[in-house]
């Protein structure tokens, strides 16, 4: 009955949504990208040799793909195992394709429609599925369970909001979680929450956060790094405001304008979380009276005098971290819950963040306890913290070193999760 009710409600939402997507697809390429695969029409994968098993690793978007890569690279080396990777978004799909060898198929995850899920699972035919972090789609899970495919949640977490939702909808999510073969979580707090919803029989392992294992970019080899080095040579003090949301850019721009008056070498790399807001953010920069260059126009309209570089592309931000002096992580001055502060920390860049770090509580605590991050309540504290970093290089380097130490001390979850998956698939060996 739960399944029937879920799909009735889904149908009422999906039909107008699908019609909208099809109309937009006729005019915009990004809506056409991967559309056939989203409907379950996946090109046939090569037939596996006898005795070889296939694992599907599913990621939502760029962040989850980047988190999964160290684990995927370990699993690639295992004899008797083939990998396939799926992502929800074009940017996640592109990152996976660009990061993995051609022998690893990279696919678009099917829409949450029973027929699409059936076609997808029939074409991919995985022996097991590993879904990253929070990607629990009921129709996909029901489809996998029906075919006898073990499904594991890897690097799982439950935010406060999601926990409340799961408890309200326990009739739906309780049985789904109970049927998972393995739930590997970032922290004991998440393990307790999964057990409360899925029952005491659910196999839950707290192995740590895979985000600590993130692969560090080099200082060279990316177009963005080359642009920053050409646009603002080594004497510039570059501050990055990363993954910002509505309501944060105004604060960032006021702080930058005030600090820039005292520190002429200060420059700002501003990266909104959602690139569809780029025009809106560009307007804010113009109204603040600041000279700005958009990343997408940098080749055709180079401007070495620009004080602000607006990063209106997807997937490039991490390449800039080794070249900046400090990072403010967005989604933390407004109630979003925060974003991954470990990527800049791993590059030896001090990270500042606001009070809203609900999705990264354990990471926040580790950084603050070690003195490897700075939490600010609002605009005045953000300005004061940056002023101190600009004026005191020793202080800035000390925070950087402590942040890197926190990352180094907490690595290893990717290897542990790879071992758990191999054990589950009967391929117990060192990955």
Foldseek 3Di string as FASTA:
>chain_A
DVVVVVVVVVCVVVPVVVVVLVVVVVPDVQSVVQPCLQQQPDPAQDDDDPQAAEEEEEEAAQVQLLLQVVLVVQLVPFPRYAYEYEYAHPRRQVVNVVRDDPNHHYHHHYHLDLNNLLSNCVRRVHQEYEYEAPPDRQSNLVNCVVVVHAYEYAQYAAFPVNLVVCVVVLVRVQCSQLRHQEYEHADVVRVVSSCVSPHPNGHYHHQHGSLLVRDAADCDDDPVSVLCCVLQPPVAAEEEEEQADPPVLLLVLVLQVVVCVVPVRYAYEYEHNALVCQVVSVVSCVVSVFFEDEPVCCVVDPDSPGRYYYDSDPDCVLNCLLVHAAYEWHCAQDQNQTDDPLSSLLSLHEYEGEHRNRVPVVLVVLLVVQLQYHYDHGNVRVSVVVVCVVVPVVSSNSSSVSSNVSSVVRDDSSQVVSQVVCVVVVNRDRD
